[in-house]
Protein backbone atom coordinates (compact mmCIF):
# COMPACT_ATOMS: atom_id res chain seq x y z
CA MET A 1 -72.00 184.19 142.16
CA LEU A 2 -73.15 187.83 142.17
CA LEU A 3 -75.21 189.29 144.93
CA THR A 4 -77.69 191.81 144.24
CA GLY A 5 -80.10 193.71 145.84
CA CYS A 6 -83.05 196.03 146.39
CA SER A 7 -85.82 197.29 148.12
CA ASN A 8 -89.60 198.08 147.90
CA LEU A 9 -90.66 198.30 151.14
CA PRO A 10 -94.01 200.31 152.43
CA GLY A 11 -92.81 203.28 153.18
CA ASP A 12 -94.40 203.47 156.73
CA LEU A 13 -92.08 200.58 157.64
CA TYR A 14 -88.93 203.74 158.21
CA ALA A 15 -88.37 205.04 161.33
CA ASP A 16 -90.34 208.20 162.03
CA ASP A 17 -89.72 210.57 165.07
CA VAL A 18 -91.47 207.56 167.75
CA ASP A 19 -88.62 205.71 166.77
CA LEU A 20 -85.91 208.29 167.36
CA THR A 21 -87.39 209.24 170.86
CA ARG A 22 -87.68 205.11 172.09
CA ALA A 23 -84.29 204.50 170.73
CA GLN A 24 -82.84 207.55 172.61
CA ALA A 25 -83.99 206.28 176.28
CA VAL A 26 -81.82 202.75 175.42
CA TRP A 27 -78.83 205.26 173.85
CA GLU A 28 -78.95 206.90 177.35
CA ASP A 29 -78.92 203.97 179.63
CA PRO A 30 -76.58 203.90 181.92
CA TRP A 31 -76.14 199.83 182.44
CA VAL A 32 -77.27 199.71 178.49
CA ALA A 33 -74.34 202.44 177.13
CA PRO A 34 -73.95 201.30 173.46
CA SER A 35 -71.58 201.87 171.41
CA THR A 36 -73.27 201.42 168.41
CA LEU A 37 -76.47 203.43 168.17
CA SER A 38 -79.59 202.20 165.84
CA VAL A 39 -83.39 203.19 165.22
CA PRO A 40 -85.57 200.85 164.70
CA GLU A 41 -86.27 200.59 160.78
CA ALA A 42 -87.33 198.92 157.94
CA GLY A 43 -85.92 195.60 157.46
CA TYR A 44 -83.59 195.44 154.17
CA GLY A 45 -84.23 192.34 152.23
CA SER A 46 -87.81 191.32 154.12
CA ASN A 47 -91.09 190.95 153.18
CA GLY A 48 -92.28 193.88 155.37
CA ARG A 49 -90.67 192.90 158.42
CA VAL A 50 -89.29 195.61 160.73
CA SER A 51 -85.74 195.86 163.11
CA ARG A 52 -86.02 197.12 166.56
CA HIS A 53 -82.56 197.00 167.20
CA ALA A 54 -81.73 200.11 169.25
CA GLY A 55 -78.52 199.61 170.55
CA THR A 56 -75.10 197.38 171.25
CA ARG A 57 -72.68 196.84 173.43
CA THR A 58 -69.56 194.52 174.04
CA THR A 59 -67.57 194.13 176.66
CA THR A 60 -64.56 191.42 177.49
CA TYR A 61 -64.66 190.12 181.01
CA VAL A 62 -61.35 188.61 182.66
CA ALA A 63 -61.37 186.34 186.04
CA LEU A 64 -64.72 185.51 185.69
CA ASP A 65 -66.78 182.42 183.97
CA ALA A 66 -69.62 183.03 181.46
CA SER A 67 -72.46 182.25 183.89
CA ALA A 68 -70.91 185.11 186.63
CA ALA A 69 -70.17 187.76 184.00
CA THR A 70 -73.73 187.10 182.89
CA ALA A 71 -74.89 187.57 186.52
CA GLN A 72 -72.28 190.41 186.89
CA GLU A 73 -74.29 192.20 183.73
CA VAL A 74 -77.60 191.44 185.56
CA ALA A 75 -77.05 193.10 188.58
CA GLY A 76 -76.16 196.16 186.65
CA ALA A 77 -78.93 196.08 184.75
CA GLU A 78 -81.22 195.64 187.89
CA ASP A 79 -79.76 198.64 189.46
CA GLN A 80 -80.58 200.77 186.58
CA GLY A 81 -84.21 199.42 186.92
CA TRP A 82 -84.23 196.64 184.52
CA THR A 83 -85.51 193.13 185.14
CA LEU A 84 -84.46 189.92 185.14
CA VAL A 85 -87.46 187.58 183.08
CA GLY A 86 -84.98 184.37 182.23
CA ALA A 87 -81.15 182.88 181.89
CA THR A 88 -80.00 179.85 179.74
CA CYS A 89 -77.10 178.03 180.12
CA GLU A 90 -74.75 176.28 177.34
CA LEU A 91 -71.75 175.27 177.05
CA ASP A 92 -70.62 178.11 174.78
CA ASP A 93 -73.33 180.36 175.18
CA VAL A 94 -74.99 181.82 178.18
CA ARG A 95 -77.94 184.44 177.40
CA ALA A 96 -80.14 186.24 180.00
CA VAL A 97 -82.85 188.41 179.19
CA LEU A 98 -84.43 191.58 181.06
CA THR A 99 -86.99 193.93 180.20
CA ARG A 100 -87.96 197.39 181.61
CA GLY A 101 -91.50 199.64 181.24
CA GLY A 102 -93.54 196.82 180.81
CA THR A 103 -95.41 196.81 178.11
CA ASP A 104 -96.30 200.54 177.42
CA LEU A 105 -95.21 201.11 174.20
CA ASP A 106 -93.33 204.03 174.69
CA SER A 107 -91.09 202.92 177.60
CA ALA A 108 -90.85 199.32 176.91
CA ALA A 109 -87.38 198.02 175.77
CA VAL A 110 -86.07 194.57 175.63
CA ALA A 111 -82.33 193.66 176.16
CA GLU A 112 -80.45 190.39 175.96
CA VAL A 113 -77.31 189.45 176.94
CA ARG A 114 -74.74 186.80 175.69
CA ALA A 115 -71.99 185.36 177.04
CA GLU A 116 -69.11 183.86 175.01
CA PRO A 117 -66.22 182.38 176.56
CA ASP A 118 -63.05 183.10 174.09
CA ASP A 119 -59.76 181.18 175.57
CA GLU A 120 -59.47 182.83 179.01
CA LEU A 121 -61.76 186.14 178.54
CA VAL A 122 -65.51 186.23 178.18
CA ASP A 123 -66.87 188.61 175.91
CA VAL A 124 -70.65 189.31 176.41
CA SER A 125 -73.07 191.23 173.89
CA VAL A 126 -75.63 193.82 175.22
CA THR A 127 -78.61 194.22 172.91
CA ALA A 128 -81.28 196.48 173.52
CA GLU A 129 -84.47 196.79 171.60
CA VAL A 130 -87.75 199.36 171.37
CA PRO A 131 -90.95 199.08 169.46
CA HIS A 132 -91.44 199.69 166.61
CA HIS A 133 -93.93 202.82 166.00
CA LEU A 134 -96.11 200.51 163.60
CA ASP A 135 -96.77 198.13 166.73
CA ASP A 136 -100.27 198.30 168.53
CA ASP A 137 -98.46 196.26 171.70
CA TRP A 138 -95.91 194.65 173.17
CA PRO A 139 -95.14 191.32 174.38
CA ASP A 140 -95.33 190.43 178.08
CA LEU A 141 -92.17 188.36 178.46
CA GLY A 142 -92.95 187.14 182.05
CA PRO A 143 -92.66 188.06 185.56
CA ALA A 144 -89.71 188.93 187.28
CA VAL A 145 -87.34 186.43 188.23
CA ASP A 146 -84.54 186.21 190.96
CA VAL A 147 -80.73 185.19 189.53
CA THR A 148 -80.47 182.89 192.07
CA ASP A 149 -83.44 180.60 190.45
CA THR A 150 -81.68 181.02 187.39
CA CYS A 151 -78.83 178.82 185.90
CA LEU A 152 -77.09 181.61 186.62
CA ALA A 153 -76.50 180.29 190.19
CA GLY A 154 -76.83 176.88 189.39
CA ALA A 155 -80.40 176.56 189.27
CA SER A 156 -82.77 174.87 186.38
CA GLY A 157 -85.62 176.81 186.20
CA ASN A 158 -86.64 179.85 184.70
CA PRO A 159 -85.42 179.43 181.11
CA ALA A 160 -84.66 182.85 178.97
CA PRO A 161 -87.70 183.54 176.76
CA ALA A 162 -87.19 185.06 172.64
CA PRO A 163 -87.12 188.37 172.15
CA PRO A 164 -90.18 189.78 169.79
CA ASP A 165 -89.37 188.71 166.37
CA ASP A 166 -89.51 190.86 163.67
CA GLU A 167 -92.75 190.66 162.18
CA PRO A 168 -94.75 194.29 162.70
CA ARG A 169 -97.11 194.18 165.50
CA GLY A 170 -99.90 196.17 163.31
CA SER A 171 -100.32 197.55 160.06
CA ALA A 172 -98.47 200.03 157.87
CA ASP A 173 -100.15 203.27 156.12
CA ASP A 174 -100.31 202.34 152.70
CA ASP A 175 -100.13 206.13 151.57
CA VAL A 176 -96.89 206.57 153.41
CA GLU A 177 -94.23 207.32 150.48
CA THR A 178 -90.74 205.53 150.98
CA PRO A 179 -88.37 208.10 151.92
CA GLU A 180 -85.47 209.35 150.47
CA TRP A 181 -82.25 211.20 151.11
CA SER A 182 -81.71 215.04 150.44
CA ASP A 183 -79.08 214.83 147.69
CA ALA A 184 -77.47 217.73 149.47
CA GLY A 185 -73.83 217.44 150.55
CA PRO A 186 -72.76 218.17 154.05
CA THR A 187 -73.94 221.40 154.94
CA ALA A 188 -72.20 224.42 157.07
CA ALA A 189 -72.90 222.62 160.10
CA ASP A 190 -71.49 219.62 159.49
CA GLU A 191 -68.27 221.35 158.16
CA ALA A 192 -68.27 223.44 161.25
CA ARG A 193 -67.90 220.21 163.36
CA THR A 194 -65.46 218.54 161.31
CA THR A 195 -63.64 221.77 161.61
CA ALA A 196 -63.49 221.89 165.22
CA LEU A 197 -62.53 218.53 165.43
CA GLY A 198 -59.49 219.19 163.22
CA ASP A 199 -58.21 222.02 165.57
CA ASP A 200 -58.56 219.89 168.59
CA ALA A 201 -55.19 219.44 170.38
CA TRP A 202 -55.72 215.68 171.22
CA PHE A 203 -57.34 214.67 168.20
CA GLU A 204 -54.45 216.24 165.79
CA SER A 205 -51.67 214.92 168.12
CA LEU A 206 -53.77 211.28 167.12
CA ASP A 207 -52.59 212.06 163.40
CA ALA A 208 -56.04 210.26 162.42
CA ASP A 209 -58.68 210.96 159.41
CA VAL A 210 -61.91 210.92 159.61
CA SER A 211 -63.83 208.92 157.32
CA ASP A 212 -65.71 211.03 154.34
CA PRO A 213 -69.35 211.88 154.69
CA ASP A 214 -71.16 209.48 153.35
CA THR A 215 -73.92 211.17 150.80
CA ALA A 216 -75.57 207.76 149.25
CA GLY A 217 -79.22 208.57 147.86
CA GLY A 218 -82.25 207.16 147.90
CA ASP A 219 -83.62 204.68 150.85
CA ARG A 220 -79.99 203.22 151.21
CA GLN A 221 -78.29 203.68 155.00
CA ARG A 222 -75.50 205.91 155.69
CA ARG A 223 -72.85 205.74 157.96
CA ALA A 224 -71.70 208.46 160.37
CA PRO A 225 -68.49 209.73 160.00
CA SER A 226 -65.83 208.26 162.49
CA ALA A 227 -62.43 207.60 163.26
CA GLU A 228 -60.82 204.63 165.99
CA GLY A 229 -57.70 203.83 166.95
CA THR A 230 -55.77 202.66 169.98
CA LEU A 231 -53.43 204.48 172.46
CA THR A 232 -50.96 202.92 174.79
CA PRO A 233 -50.17 205.88 177.62
CA GLY A 234 -47.20 203.72 179.15
CA PRO A 235 -47.66 200.15 180.88
CA ARG A 236 -49.99 201.01 183.26
CA ARG A 237 -53.22 199.45 184.84
CA PRO A 238 -56.12 199.95 182.68
CA LEU A 239 -58.03 202.73 184.82
CA ALA A 240 -55.11 204.53 185.14
CA ALA A 241 -54.13 204.25 181.41
CA LEU A 242 -57.72 205.31 180.83
CA ALA A 243 -57.16 208.22 183.41
CA ALA A 244 -54.00 209.24 181.48
CA VAL A 245 -55.84 209.49 178.33
CA VAL A 246 -59.20 211.50 179.20
CA GLU A 247 -56.63 214.00 181.41
CA SER A 248 -54.41 214.48 177.85
CA MET A 249 -58.41 215.26 176.23
CA GLY A 250 -58.32 219.16 177.46
CA GLY A 251 -60.83 220.23 174.79
CA TRP A 252 -64.15 217.57 175.98
CA GLN A 253 -66.00 216.81 178.75
CA PRO A 254 -66.95 213.50 180.16
CA THR A 255 -70.26 212.52 180.55
CA TYR A 256 -70.14 209.01 181.26
CA ALA A 257 -67.90 206.57 183.31
CA ALA A 258 -68.33 202.94 184.56
CA CYS A 259 -65.59 200.44 185.45
CA SER A 260 -65.22 196.90 187.41
CA ARG A 261 -62.31 194.88 188.41
CA SER A 262 -63.07 192.07 185.84
CA THR A 263 -63.70 194.50 182.59
CA GLY A 264 -61.43 197.47 183.12
CA GLY A 265 -63.44 200.89 182.42
CA VAL A 266 -65.42 203.14 179.92
CA VAL A 267 -65.82 206.88 179.24
CA THR A 268 -67.80 208.54 176.82
CA LEU A 269 -66.70 212.24 175.84
CA ARG A 270 -68.04 215.53 173.99
CA LEU A 271 -66.14 218.10 172.35
CA ASP A 272 -66.32 221.34 173.76
CA SER A 273 -67.56 223.57 170.51
CA ASP A 274 -70.31 225.23 169.71
CA ALA A 275 -70.32 223.10 166.54
CA GLY A 276 -72.69 220.89 167.81
CA PRO A 277 -72.51 217.02 168.55
CA VAL A 278 -69.07 215.18 168.36
CA VAL A 279 -68.41 212.61 170.86
CA ALA A 280 -65.79 209.99 171.82
CA ARG A 281 -65.91 206.58 173.80
CA LEU A 282 -62.32 205.66 175.36
CA GLN A 283 -62.25 201.68 176.68
CA ALA A 284 -59.49 200.03 178.52
CA VAL A 285 -59.49 196.23 178.69
CA PRO A 286 -57.90 194.28 181.53
CA GLY A 287 -54.69 192.59 180.88
CA ASP A 288 -53.73 194.59 177.54
CA ALA A 289 -50.89 196.62 178.79
CA GLY A 290 -52.30 199.65 179.31
CA ALA A 291 -54.49 199.93 175.83
CA VAL A 292 -57.00 202.29 175.64
CA SER A 293 -59.62 202.01 172.81
CA TRP A 294 -60.86 205.36 170.98
CA THR A 295 -63.62 206.04 168.51
CA VAL A 296 -64.64 209.15 167.90
CA THR A 297 -68.08 210.09 165.76
CA LEU A 298 -69.56 213.02 164.03
CA PRO A 299 -73.72 213.06 163.22
CA ILE A 300 -74.67 211.33 159.67
CA VAL A 301 -75.14 214.22 157.14
CA SER A 302 -78.95 215.14 156.60
CA GLY A 303 -79.63 213.06 159.79
CA PRO A 304 -81.80 214.01 162.25
CA ASP A 305 -81.07 216.21 165.26
CA GLN A 306 -78.88 214.76 167.97
CA SER A 307 -78.34 217.67 169.86
CA TRP A 308 -79.28 216.01 172.92
CA VAL A 309 -75.74 214.97 173.49
CA ASP A 310 -75.05 218.67 173.91
CA GLN A 311 -77.81 218.59 176.93
CA VAL A 312 -76.14 215.62 179.00
CA PRO A 313 -74.62 217.18 182.19
CA THR A 314 -70.65 216.88 182.49
CA LEU A 315 -69.61 214.30 184.90
CA GLY A 316 -67.25 215.78 187.20
CA ALA A 317 -64.10 213.67 189.12
CA PRO A 318 -65.25 210.21 187.93
CA THR A 319 -64.76 208.17 190.82
CA CYS A 320 -63.30 205.18 187.71
CA LEU A 321 -60.16 207.71 187.04
CA ALA A 322 -59.54 208.54 190.02
CA GLY A 323 -57.06 205.91 190.78
CA GLY A 324 -57.29 202.77 192.79
CA SER A 325 -59.69 199.78 191.75
CA PRO A 326 -63.10 199.42 193.11
CA ARG A 327 -63.74 196.68 195.15
CA GLN A 328 -67.70 196.97 193.25
CA PRO A 329 -68.66 197.92 189.66
CA VAL A 330 -69.56 201.68 189.25
CA THR A 331 -71.58 203.31 186.97
CA GLU A 332 -71.75 207.30 186.82
CA GLY A 333 -73.19 209.82 184.71
CA THR A 334 -75.27 209.02 181.62
CA PRO A 335 -73.85 208.12 178.19
CA VAL A 336 -73.44 210.06 174.96
CA GLY A 337 -73.32 208.24 171.46
CA LEU A 338 -74.33 209.57 167.99
CA ILE A 339 -76.23 206.77 165.10
CA GLY A 340 -73.62 204.57 163.31
CA GLU A 341 -76.21 203.72 160.44
CA LEU A 342 -79.43 204.96 159.37
CA GLN A 343 -82.20 204.74 157.05
CA PRO A 344 -83.68 208.42 155.60
CA LEU A 345 -86.64 208.84 158.31
CA GLN A 346 -90.30 209.98 157.63
CA GLU A 347 -90.84 213.17 157.73
């Protein structure tokens, strides 16, 4: 069986500066802290539909069941200004929906938390969406509910509502042409970033290769150059292992740290260089014998300006890396990341 695909979508479905600005509010959110960054865009293979996806994070929990893990996520979200509007609990799938910013198009966001048991672990995904620039309005998903009045605490009311579907809540401008990528290859700035990363002592010690720059033409998605792997700085507690890796990264500046006894810890860092944004994300998981996963990402060739990363304040002496194990979940600073996949943008 042969599968082929093509696109002939209205140009106005593709992202513009409004979508970038709205998505960035999710990228910087200390609770969502996405590991995968996206921009609302045209829905490939659809009849004029859109994707409102802005970011996703996956976290593994130990020593908690799916409801308790979801409740911990809800508590962290509420600390950052999100509002719980409902939760649904099934045997193999616990789901909670939260909102932020009401129905104002420039500040609204919806996040869905899904928890799935996996043997003695629970895998939790957090997916956030924001309005597409074509949306003329944004639905009210319901009033705030207390977690004690949901299935997360054993109650029977307030089920999770469905997030908005992928139908645009407005009409596309037929005069907007489908955007296409420039056929130019990596710029001097792209090459300078690659050189700065290659000259970094920590990255050089990994003996890792960054994927080649994606220069696909037309309106196809491009992927960011990246590299990933796992470090094992000795058998030690997750936060101690995380601290050991951060300490070895002399040329990097931490901007964000989050940790808890049930999840281990996450740190985001940016390369201290004049070549522009290069980011790293580290994650340590309890019960993994001191293993720390790492991902390094560079900007997409001919992609949008992402210099906001270099404007985020440095996080000094994070509590999560100070030793010990905090009794309550800790979140510090502002996460940084770079877009992983992107369609060409409207000019």
